[in-house]
């Protein structure tokens, strides 16, 4: 008799924890609570909890950043206003360079934002605008951070620049096989 009682209590505790993390079944006050919402979106790899939060919290800088760390695709479905804020995008791409794909067009042309993205993940090079792609330093930073893998995304002006390529081989940023 004791074992089933312990099992029942454990199951009850487990269900309470699940419901606390699930905003779908939460009260309105929980959906408006930044602490509860932050906790829920931080542990949600599928990104579903974000959409159960209150509208005000769905536009909250910290909530969206936490949600994108758990589920990067969330950034493609959040309010456009956040994707046009330079400080927000800088913080997002610093933790995941591939989030650059969701940045507003004008931010993709910002060299400092591009450097932040490719420094975190060189393959973010494929999401940059024309201005940073024309900047050899940005492309070299991407290639360096990706151990040469971003070379596939590099524009022809860089891949055709033999002195630059030779210098990168000499500095061991890329191998001859990576060209």
Foldseek 3Di string as FASTA:
>chain_A
DVVVVVVVVVVVVVVVVVVLLALVNDDLVLLADLVSLLSNLLQDLVLPRLVSHDPVSLPDLSSQLSNCVSHVCVLQVGDLVLLADLVSLLVNLLQALLSLLSHPQVNLLDQVSLQSNLLNALLSLQRHDPNNLVPLVSNLSNLQNHLLQNVVVRDPVNVVPVVNVVVCCVVSSYPPVSD
